Structure formats: C-alpha cells, structure tokens
Protein backbone atom coordinates (compact mmCIF):
# COMPACT_ATOMS: atom_id res chain seq x y z
CA MET A 1 2.71 -14.04 25.91
CA ARG A 2 4.25 -10.75 25.55
CA ASP A 3 3.53 -8.07 27.88
CA THR A 4 2.29 -4.40 28.19
CA LYS A 5 5.74 -2.97 28.57
CA THR A 6 7.16 -5.13 25.50
CA MET A 7 3.54 -3.96 23.85
CA SER A 8 3.70 -0.62 24.35
CA GLN A 9 7.37 -0.31 23.21
CA GLU A 10 6.59 -2.01 19.88
CA THR A 11 4.03 0.25 19.32
CA ASP A 12 5.95 3.41 20.23
CA ILE A 13 8.42 1.32 17.79
CA ARG A 14 5.59 1.45 14.84
CA GLN A 15 4.56 5.42 15.79
CA LYS A 16 8.09 6.54 15.65
CA ARG A 17 8.31 4.61 12.42
CA GLY A 18 5.54 6.16 10.52
CA ALA A 19 6.04 9.47 11.87
CA GLU A 20 9.54 9.85 9.95
CA TRP A 21 8.33 8.30 6.76
CA LEU A 22 5.37 11.00 7.06
CA SER A 23 7.88 13.77 7.38
CA GLY A 24 10.26 12.13 5.32
CA ALA A 25 7.35 13.41 2.38
CA GLY A 26 6.70 16.77 4.52
CA LEU A 27 3.15 15.47 5.51
CA ARG A 28 2.20 17.13 8.84
CA PRO A 29 2.13 14.10 11.06
CA THR A 30 -1.70 14.55 12.18
CA ARG A 31 -2.42 11.86 14.72
CA GLN A 32 -4.92 9.89 12.32
CA ARG A 33 -2.05 9.97 9.59
CA VAL A 34 0.45 8.38 12.08
CA ALA A 35 -1.70 6.32 13.40
CA LEU A 36 -2.47 4.90 9.74
CA ALA A 37 1.30 5.29 8.71
CA ALA A 38 2.03 3.06 11.72
CA LEU A 39 0.29 0.17 10.33
CA LEU A 40 1.17 0.63 6.83
CA VAL A 41 5.33 0.91 7.49
CA GLY A 42 5.71 0.42 11.59
CA ASP A 43 7.03 -2.93 11.29
CA GLY A 44 9.36 -2.42 8.52
CA HIS A 45 7.47 -4.30 5.82
CA ASP A 46 6.09 -3.45 2.57
CA ARG A 47 2.25 -3.80 2.23
CA HIS A 48 -0.45 -4.16 -0.44
CA VAL A 49 -3.56 -3.11 1.10
CA THR A 50 -7.13 -1.41 -0.05
CA ALA A 51 -8.80 1.34 2.05
CA GLU A 52 -11.60 -1.06 3.81
CA SER A 53 -8.84 -3.52 4.58
CA LEU A 54 -6.63 -0.23 6.55
CA PHE A 55 -10.03 0.98 8.09
CA ALA A 56 -10.69 -2.67 9.56
CA ALA A 57 -6.96 -2.92 10.59
CA SER A 58 -7.45 0.49 11.85
CA CYS A 59 -9.99 -0.70 14.18
CA ASP A 60 -8.72 -4.05 15.38
CA SER A 61 -5.86 -1.83 16.96
CA GLY A 62 -8.47 0.12 18.69
CA GLU A 63 -7.68 3.81 16.68
CA LYS A 64 -10.99 5.56 15.58
CA VAL A 65 -10.52 6.78 11.94
CA ALA A 66 -13.48 7.10 9.70
CA LEU A 67 -13.52 5.41 6.45
CA ALA A 68 -13.66 8.59 4.35
CA THR A 69 -10.49 9.99 6.48
CA VAL A 70 -8.70 6.37 5.88
CA TYR A 71 -9.25 7.17 1.71
CA ASN A 72 -8.47 10.83 2.27
CA THR A 73 -5.41 9.84 3.50
CA LEU A 74 -4.10 7.38 1.03
CA ARG A 75 -4.79 9.76 -1.67
CA ALA A 76 -2.55 12.28 0.07
CA PHE A 77 0.24 9.11 1.00
CA CYS A 78 -0.20 8.29 -2.91
CA ASP A 79 0.14 11.99 -3.56
CA ALA A 80 3.14 13.00 -1.66
CA GLY A 81 5.14 9.90 -3.49
CA LEU A 82 4.87 7.33 -0.07
CA MET A 83 2.24 4.98 -1.80
CA ARG A 84 1.32 3.51 -5.67
CA GLU A 85 -1.92 3.44 -6.49
CA ILE A 86 -2.58 0.19 -8.25
CA THR A 87 -6.62 -0.78 -9.82
CA VAL A 88 -7.85 -3.73 -10.97
CA ASP A 89 -10.90 -4.77 -13.13
CA GLY A 90 -10.87 -0.70 -13.08
CA SER A 91 -12.68 -0.08 -9.40
CA LYS A 92 -10.93 -1.69 -7.32
CA SER A 93 -7.69 0.26 -5.89
CA TYR A 94 -5.14 -1.58 -3.65
CA PHE A 95 -2.34 0.75 -1.92
CA ASP A 96 1.14 -0.28 -2.24
CA THR A 97 3.72 1.14 0.06
CA ASN A 98 6.63 -0.24 -1.79
CA THR A 99 6.73 2.43 -4.63
CA SER A 100 9.51 1.24 -6.84
CA ASN A 101 8.36 -0.02 -10.33
CA HIS A 102 7.82 -3.35 -9.80
CA PRO A 103 5.06 -5.85 -11.50
CA HIS A 104 1.95 -7.70 -9.38
CA PHE A 105 0.40 -10.75 -9.27
CA PHE A 106 -3.75 -10.39 -7.83
CA TRP A 107 -5.05 -13.21 -7.03
CA GLU A 108 -8.28 -13.47 -8.24
CA ASP A 109 -9.57 -16.64 -5.71
CA ASP A 110 -9.09 -14.13 -2.90
CA ALA A 111 -8.50 -10.26 -4.46
CA HIS A 112 -5.45 -9.97 -2.45
CA LEU A 113 -2.05 -8.51 -4.56
CA SER A 114 1.33 -9.71 -3.99
CA ASP A 115 4.95 -8.11 -5.70
CA ALA A 116 5.66 -10.11 -8.56
CA PRO A 117 9.88 -10.88 -9.34
CA ALA A 118 10.47 -7.84 -11.29
CA GLU A 119 13.84 -9.53 -12.45
CA GLU A 120 11.69 -12.10 -14.15
CA LEU A 121 9.40 -9.22 -16.16
CA GLU A 122 10.47 -8.74 -20.04
CA ILE A 123 8.83 -5.79 -21.71
CA ALA A 124 10.59 -5.65 -24.90
CA ARG A 125 9.06 -2.66 -26.30
CA LEU A 126 6.08 -0.10 -25.35
CA PRO A 127 4.16 1.83 -27.81
CA ASN A 128 4.84 5.37 -28.24
CA ALA A 129 2.63 8.10 -26.30
CA PRO A 130 0.60 10.40 -28.75
CA GLU A 131 1.29 13.44 -29.80
CA GLY A 132 1.72 16.02 -26.69
CA ALA A 133 1.62 12.75 -23.92
CA GLU A 134 4.61 10.74 -22.20
CA ILE A 135 4.27 8.12 -20.15
CA ALA A 136 4.12 8.30 -16.99
CA LYS A 137 4.18 4.55 -15.66
CA VAL A 138 3.29 1.17 -16.40
CA ASP A 139 1.32 -0.64 -14.36
CA VAL A 140 1.40 -5.01 -14.51
CA VAL A 141 -0.78 -6.68 -13.13
CA ILE A 142 -0.44 -10.70 -13.46
CA ARG A 143 -3.91 -12.25 -12.73
CA LEU A 144 -3.86 -15.46 -11.19
CA ARG A 145 -5.69 -18.12 -10.21
CA ARG A 146 -5.53 -21.11 -8.24
CA GLN A 147 -5.21 -24.78 -10.83
CA HIS A 148 -8.05 -26.80 -9.65
CA ARG A 149 -6.83 -30.85 -10.00
CA GLY A 150 -9.70 -33.24 -9.93
C-alpha cells in the first residue's frame, strides 16, 4: 500500500503536468481547470472521456466541480487545441487528449471509444468540398460489437 507522502507526490506531479498542459496552450490555470487537466493528462497517457465520465472521475478524486463546468472546460480545451471532440451517433461526444489525426473504434456493447491503428487505415480518395468550403478534418469511427458465439 502506498503511503500518504507518495500519494501526495503523485498528486503534485499530476497537477504540475496539468498546469503545464494548460499553459502550453495559453489557458489560464484556474483551480478547476488544473484539477480536470490533471485527471486528463497527469499520468502522461492519452484519454477518451465523456463529460459525464470526467465529472465522475473528478468526484471520485474529491474535487468539487459542477457538471456544467466540466462541459465548459472541455469546450475550452477543444477550442485551445488541447483535445479533439469525436461525436458518435450525432449526439454522444467523446473527448480525446490525442489531437493527432487517427481513427477510432467505438465499442457498441459498452459505449466506449479507443484508438484504432492509423497505419492500417487507407482512405483512397475524399470527395471535393463544395464551392466556398474546405475540408477541416476527417473523423473515422469504426463501430464494433462483440461476436456472440453460440
């Protein structure tokens, strides 16, 4: 079991990483932003979250953040280029800390998103954008369901 000092050091490292992530994008490091950023990038790993899952994680960590604040903060992180929003089914949004262009698997059985191997995806051609428009990005979401053996 980890001692209190070790856990405190880990929390400090996560918050420092979160604050650096914010300052790198020019965002003001408010207490709530730093707390949410620490949950998102504090361990150095990329995350796929929904506003609800990030809200639950903040509650579990003892951080008091309103769900509306989580939504607003995720929007600010996306606007600053720190995260990408991936919409599934036109209504459910997932937020990805990996902002590189890459495809995703959407697991229908438990409604979670994971990265798909980009090197295996081939898009031969995209349609031309309509007059006066340009393609901003292409989101590829591959829907999966577990095979039922029987």
